[in-house]
Amino acid sequence: MVKHKVPGLKLGGGKGKWVFGALVVLALVLIVKAPIEAAAFGKSVFGAIDTAATSVVTFFNSF
């Protein structure tokens, strides 16, 4: 039987892992303490990403 490894998130060691963990904890605290503001922030971030992606696609479709 063949065993397949599932690729995971490899952050390395040291400071990178610590910073990533701190950002995750900070995001969770924000979501728990102020869920409405966190939802509004998330919506605005994903809206900005959507706008940027749409602009790039429109630019390349113009060729």
Protein backbone atom coordinates (compact mmCIF):
# COMPACT_ATOMS: atom_id res chain seq x y z
CA MET A 1 0.00 0.00 0.00
CA VAL A 2 1.30 3.45 -0.90
CA LYS A 3 1.44 6.08 1.79
CA HIS A 4 0.91 9.66 0.69
CA LYS A 5 2.13 12.56 2.73
CA VAL A 6 -0.19 15.51 2.98
CA PRO A 7 1.77 18.73 2.51
CA GLY A 8 1.52 21.00 5.51
CA LEU A 9 2.41 24.52 6.43
CA LYS A 10 6.15 24.62 7.07
CA LEU A 11 7.20 27.80 8.77
CA GLY A 12 10.69 26.82 9.73
CA GLY A 13 11.83 27.51 13.23
CA GLY A 14 12.46 30.38 15.53
CA LYS A 15 11.07 33.83 14.96
CA GLY A 16 8.90 33.05 11.93
CA LYS A 17 6.87 30.47 13.80
CA TRP A 18 6.55 32.79 16.79
CA VAL A 19 5.35 35.73 14.66
CA PHE A 20 2.83 33.54 12.83
CA GLY A 21 1.50 32.18 16.12
CA ALA A 22 1.23 35.68 17.57
CA LEU A 23 -0.74 36.87 14.53
CA VAL A 24 -3.13 33.94 14.80
CA VAL A 25 -3.70 34.58 18.51
CA LEU A 26 -4.20 38.30 17.85
CA ALA A 27 -6.76 37.53 15.14
CA LEU A 28 -8.64 35.16 17.44
CA VAL A 29 -8.69 37.73 20.25
CA LEU A 30 -10.03 40.36 17.85
CA ILE A 31 -12.76 38.00 16.65
CA VAL A 32 -13.81 37.09 20.20
CA LYS A 33 -13.64 40.62 21.66
CA ALA A 34 -15.18 42.53 18.75
CA PRO A 35 -16.90 40.20 16.28
CA ILE A 36 -18.81 42.92 14.43
CA GLU A 37 -15.71 45.02 13.82
CA ALA A 38 -13.72 41.91 12.84
CA ALA A 39 -16.40 40.95 10.34
CA ALA A 40 -16.43 44.45 8.85
CA PHE A 41 -12.63 44.43 8.59
CA GLY A 42 -12.64 41.01 6.94
CA LYS A 43 -15.33 42.09 4.50
CA SER A 44 -13.35 45.20 3.54
CA VAL A 45 -10.12 43.21 3.09
CA PHE A 46 -11.78 40.60 0.87
CA GLY A 47 -13.56 43.39 -1.02
CA ALA A 48 -10.22 45.05 -1.73
CA ILE A 49 -8.74 41.75 -2.90
CA ASP A 50 -11.76 41.19 -5.15
CA THR A 51 -11.43 44.68 -6.62
CA ALA A 52 -7.72 44.20 -7.27
CA ALA A 53 -8.26 40.80 -8.91
CA THR A 54 -11.05 42.17 -11.07
CA SER A 55 -8.83 45.07 -12.16
CA VAL A 56 -5.98 42.73 -13.12
CA VAL A 57 -8.31 40.45 -15.08
CA THR A 58 -9.87 43.42 -16.86
CA PHE A 59 -6.42 44.74 -17.74
CA PHE A 60 -5.27 41.44 -19.25
CA ASN A 61 -8.57 40.95 -21.08
CA SER A 62 -8.07 44.29 -22.83
CA PHE A 63 -5.19 42.83 -24.87
